[in-house]
Amino acid sequence: MSPSRAKLPSMSAALAGLPAGVQPRGPWMGRRQLFVRFASEAETATIFTADALRGELTRLATRSAYHSIAIAGGDPLAETEFLCVALKEAPSLPVMLDHDGQRPEALESLLGALAMVQVTLRGSEADAALERIGDSLARAAGKGVLHAVVIEPADAASDAQLLRVVERVHSASQDAAVVLHPPGEHAGVPDRRWLVWLERAAAVHPDVRILPVAGWRT
């Protein structure tokens, strides 16, 4: 059962910060965003209540212009209840969740607060992980929420494995955007490997693109 309003201020989570930055990957790459970054065990954290986070997002959004809010870092869907409360009556900015797609059931309860679900992966994931990613995409599609898969290929990921990701995405949602960021420096024309891969991937799914890796990190 949802906590009573009297208990909401006690709900809290550990955040690594609320920096302003530029989205470095995916279909919203290059957009100026406010980042809500959940802390990993190795990071210095600040404890925010859900009410405090909502208030800080409202304050920051009135001081400068942003395209959207990006939720990232750590395991944000481990804090779904916290986020549902924090994003209630949040600033009138679109909210993007960038995550690994491994908690589709937890994602379901948060979809009403999201404008974009972005799953970031390496291309070498096991079948079980890809099934959960597919489930996450299908749930987003079912609620009419924009959704995308970002592939930052692992060194060991073969072209066939990367194509398998596109096939799994397509079976989950034909409306998903797929963005592959080739490793290394690819500011100019992509090398032939990626051009050939893109040709094959485009024959499987209608929205596949390759984009150079952004130099920014948040």
Protein backbone atom coordinates (compact mmCIF):
# COMPACT_ATOMS: atom_id res chain seq x y z
CA MET A 1 0.00 0.00 0.00
CA SER A 2 1.28 3.50 -0.75
CA PRO A 3 2.70 5.34 2.27
CA SER A 4 0.50 7.99 3.84
CA ARG A 5 1.34 11.61 3.08
CA ALA A 6 2.57 12.04 6.66
CA LYS A 7 5.27 9.45 6.02
CA LEU A 8 6.46 10.77 2.65
CA PRO A 9 9.15 13.15 3.96
CA SER A 10 10.97 10.21 5.58
CA MET A 11 11.38 8.47 2.23
CA SER A 12 14.97 9.01 1.12
CA ALA A 13 17.67 7.91 -1.31
CA ALA A 14 21.41 8.40 -1.74
CA LEU A 15 22.26 10.64 -4.70
CA ALA A 16 25.65 11.48 -6.19
CA GLY A 17 24.35 14.89 -7.19
CA LEU A 18 22.04 16.92 -9.42
CA PRO A 19 24.45 18.28 -12.03
CA ALA A 20 23.54 20.16 -15.18
CA GLY A 21 25.05 18.55 -18.26
CA VAL A 22 24.73 17.45 -21.86
CA GLN A 23 23.25 14.06 -22.64
CA PRO A 24 26.16 12.04 -24.10
CA ARG A 25 24.26 9.17 -25.74
CA GLY A 26 21.07 8.06 -27.40
CA PRO A 27 18.34 9.90 -29.32
CA TRP A 28 18.44 12.87 -26.93
CA MET A 29 22.23 13.17 -27.29
CA GLY A 30 23.31 16.81 -27.16
CA ARG A 31 20.33 17.96 -25.12
CA ARG A 32 20.95 20.08 -22.02
CA GLN A 33 19.59 18.22 -19.01
CA LEU A 34 19.36 18.17 -15.26
CA PHE A 35 20.80 14.86 -14.09
CA VAL A 36 19.50 12.99 -11.07
CA ARG A 37 22.38 10.63 -10.38
CA PHE A 38 21.94 7.79 -7.92
CA ALA A 39 25.12 6.99 -6.04
CA SER A 40 27.03 3.75 -6.37
CA GLU A 41 28.77 2.25 -3.36
CA ALA A 42 32.06 3.88 -4.37
CA GLU A 43 30.63 7.40 -4.69
CA THR A 44 30.15 10.10 -2.09
CA ALA A 45 26.43 10.43 -1.56
CA THR A 46 24.01 13.05 -0.29
CA ILE A 47 20.77 11.83 1.23
CA PHE A 48 17.66 13.41 -0.28
CA THR A 49 14.10 12.92 0.82
CA ALA A 50 11.59 12.66 -2.01
CA ASP A 51 10.16 16.05 -1.06
CA ALA A 52 13.63 17.63 -0.97
CA LEU A 53 14.47 16.26 -4.43
CA ARG A 54 11.20 17.56 -5.86
CA GLY A 55 11.87 20.99 -4.37
CA GLU A 56 15.45 21.11 -5.64
CA LEU A 57 14.43 20.10 -9.17
CA THR A 58 11.79 22.83 -9.15
CA ARG A 59 14.32 25.41 -7.94
CA LEU A 60 16.97 24.45 -10.50
CA ALA A 61 14.49 24.33 -13.38
CA THR A 62 13.47 27.93 -12.72
CA ARG A 63 17.07 29.21 -12.76
CA SER A 64 18.07 28.03 -16.23
CA ALA A 65 16.69 26.42 -19.41
CA TYR A 66 16.80 22.63 -19.75
CA HIS A 67 15.39 20.21 -22.29
CA SER A 68 14.64 17.50 -19.74
CA ILE A 69 15.56 15.66 -16.55
CA ALA A 70 17.72 12.52 -16.84
CA ILE A 71 17.63 9.88 -14.12
CA ALA A 72 20.78 7.77 -14.20
CA GLY A 73 23.56 6.17 -12.19
CA GLY A 74 23.49 3.34 -9.70
CA ASP A 75 20.32 1.23 -9.82
CA PRO A 76 17.52 3.82 -10.06
CA LEU A 77 14.71 1.27 -10.28
CA ALA A 78 15.68 -0.03 -6.87
CA GLU A 79 14.23 3.32 -5.70
CA THR A 80 10.99 3.26 -7.68
CA GLU A 81 8.74 4.25 -4.79
CA PHE A 82 11.04 7.17 -3.95
CA LEU A 83 11.01 8.33 -7.59
CA CYS A 84 7.25 8.04 -7.93
CA VAL A 85 6.85 10.40 -4.99
CA ALA A 86 9.69 12.75 -6.00
CA LEU A 87 8.42 13.14 -9.57
CA LYS A 88 4.84 13.80 -8.54
CA GLU A 89 4.17 17.47 -9.32
CA ALA A 90 7.82 17.76 -10.42
CA PRO A 91 8.97 20.54 -12.80
CA SER A 92 7.19 20.60 -16.14
CA LEU A 93 10.16 19.02 -17.91
CA PRO A 94 10.20 15.67 -19.70
CA VAL A 95 11.84 12.95 -17.60
CA MET A 96 14.16 10.33 -19.08
CA LEU A 97 15.22 7.16 -17.30
CA ASP A 98 18.58 5.73 -18.44
CA HIS A 99 19.05 2.22 -17.06
CA ASP A 100 19.98 -1.37 -17.88
CA GLY A 101 16.46 -2.67 -18.55
CA GLN A 102 16.69 -5.43 -15.96
CA ARG A 103 13.72 -4.48 -13.75
CA PRO A 104 10.65 -4.44 -16.02
CA GLU A 105 8.19 -4.95 -13.17
CA ALA A 106 9.64 -2.00 -11.24
CA LEU A 107 9.62 0.12 -14.39
CA GLU A 108 5.88 -0.42 -14.83
CA SER A 109 4.94 1.68 -11.80
CA LEU A 110 7.15 4.59 -12.90
CA LEU A 111 6.08 4.83 -16.54
CA GLY A 112 3.39 7.41 -15.82
CA ALA A 113 6.10 9.91 -14.81
CA LEU A 114 8.43 9.27 -17.77
CA ALA A 115 8.71 10.73 -21.27
CA MET A 116 11.63 8.52 -22.38
CA VAL A 117 12.85 5.07 -21.33
CA GLN A 118 16.43 4.53 -22.44
CA VAL A 119 18.16 1.18 -22.03
CA THR A 120 21.96 1.26 -22.31
CA LEU A 121 23.76 -2.01 -22.98
CA ARG A 122 27.02 -3.47 -24.29
CA GLY A 123 25.75 -5.93 -26.88
CA SER A 124 27.15 -9.05 -25.22
CA GLU A 125 24.26 -9.59 -22.80
CA ALA A 126 22.94 -13.11 -22.19
CA ASP A 127 19.56 -14.21 -23.52
CA ALA A 128 17.89 -13.82 -20.12
CA ALA A 129 19.06 -10.20 -19.85
CA LEU A 130 17.82 -9.46 -23.37
CA GLU A 131 14.43 -10.95 -22.48
CA ARG A 132 14.11 -8.55 -19.55
CA ILE A 133 15.19 -5.65 -21.77
CA GLY A 134 12.54 -6.66 -24.30
CA ASP A 135 9.94 -6.77 -21.55
CA SER A 136 10.93 -3.26 -20.41
CA LEU A 137 10.61 -1.90 -23.96
CA ALA A 138 7.25 -3.59 -24.48
CA ARG A 139 5.90 -2.08 -21.26
CA ALA A 140 7.05 1.40 -22.31
CA ALA A 141 5.47 0.92 -25.74
CA GLY A 142 2.25 -0.24 -24.14
CA LYS A 143 1.99 2.99 -22.15
CA GLY A 144 2.90 5.21 -25.11
CA VAL A 145 6.24 6.26 -23.59
CA LEU A 146 9.14 6.97 -25.97
CA HIS A 147 11.77 4.24 -25.68
CA ALA A 148 15.25 3.62 -27.01
CA VAL A 149 18.15 1.19 -26.81
CA VAL A 150 21.68 2.56 -26.75
CA ILE A 151 24.47 0.16 -27.65
CA GLU A 152 28.00 0.96 -26.51
CA PRO A 153 29.68 -2.19 -27.83
CA ALA A 154 31.88 -4.23 -25.55
CA ASP A 155 35.24 -5.20 -27.04
CA ALA A 156 34.12 -8.81 -27.13
CA ALA A 157 30.74 -8.12 -28.78
CA SER A 158 30.63 -9.48 -32.33
CA ASP A 159 28.63 -7.94 -35.16
CA ALA A 160 26.31 -10.96 -34.98
CA GLN A 161 25.66 -10.34 -31.28
CA LEU A 162 24.93 -6.68 -31.94
CA LEU A 163 22.52 -7.64 -34.70
CA ARG A 164 20.83 -10.09 -32.31
CA VAL A 165 20.16 -7.14 -29.98
CA VAL A 166 18.41 -5.30 -32.81
CA GLU A 167 16.34 -8.38 -33.61
CA ARG A 168 15.26 -8.70 -29.97
CA VAL A 169 14.41 -5.01 -29.79
CA HIS A 170 12.32 -5.27 -32.95
CA SER A 171 10.36 -8.22 -31.59
CA ALA A 172 9.57 -6.20 -28.45
CA SER A 173 8.65 -2.90 -30.11
CA GLN A 174 8.80 -1.70 -33.68
CA ASP A 175 8.69 1.87 -32.36
CA ALA A 176 11.95 1.67 -30.41
CA ALA A 177 14.88 3.83 -31.46
CA VAL A 178 18.22 1.99 -31.62
CA VAL A 179 21.41 4.03 -31.40
CA LEU A 180 24.86 2.45 -31.64
CA HIS A 181 27.88 4.48 -30.55
CA PRO A 182 30.98 2.94 -32.18
CA PRO A 183 33.92 2.63 -29.79
CA GLY A 184 36.95 4.87 -30.17
CA GLU A 185 37.21 8.07 -32.13
CA HIS A 186 34.62 8.20 -34.92
CA ALA A 187 34.03 11.91 -35.35
CA GLY A 188 34.18 11.63 -39.14
CA VAL A 189 32.86 9.01 -41.54
CA PRO A 190 32.32 5.65 -39.75
CA ASP A 191 34.63 2.84 -40.78
CA ARG A 192 33.34 0.14 -43.11
CA ARG A 193 32.54 -2.29 -40.31
CA TRP A 194 29.85 -0.02 -38.92
CA LEU A 195 28.49 0.94 -42.32
CA VAL A 196 28.01 -2.73 -43.19
CA TRP A 197 26.51 -3.45 -39.79
CA LEU A 198 24.09 -0.52 -40.14
CA GLU A 199 22.93 -1.79 -43.52
CA ARG A 200 22.14 -5.19 -42.01
CA ALA A 201 20.50 -3.72 -38.91
CA ALA A 202 18.33 -1.34 -40.98
CA ALA A 203 16.93 -4.36 -42.83
CA VAL A 204 15.73 -5.71 -39.46
CA HIS A 205 14.42 -2.59 -37.69
CA PRO A 206 13.21 0.74 -39.13
CA ASP A 207 14.91 3.10 -36.65
CA VAL A 208 18.61 2.27 -36.28
CA ARG A 209 21.37 4.85 -36.38
CA ILE A 210 25.07 5.12 -35.59
CA LEU A 211 26.39 8.22 -33.89
CA PRO A 212 29.94 9.21 -32.91
CA VAL A 213 30.80 8.93 -29.26
CA ALA A 214 30.32 12.21 -27.43
CA GLY A 215 33.26 13.50 -25.44
CA TRP A 216 31.06 14.60 -22.57
CA ARG A 217 30.44 12.57 -19.47
CA THR A 218 28.14 13.46 -16.64
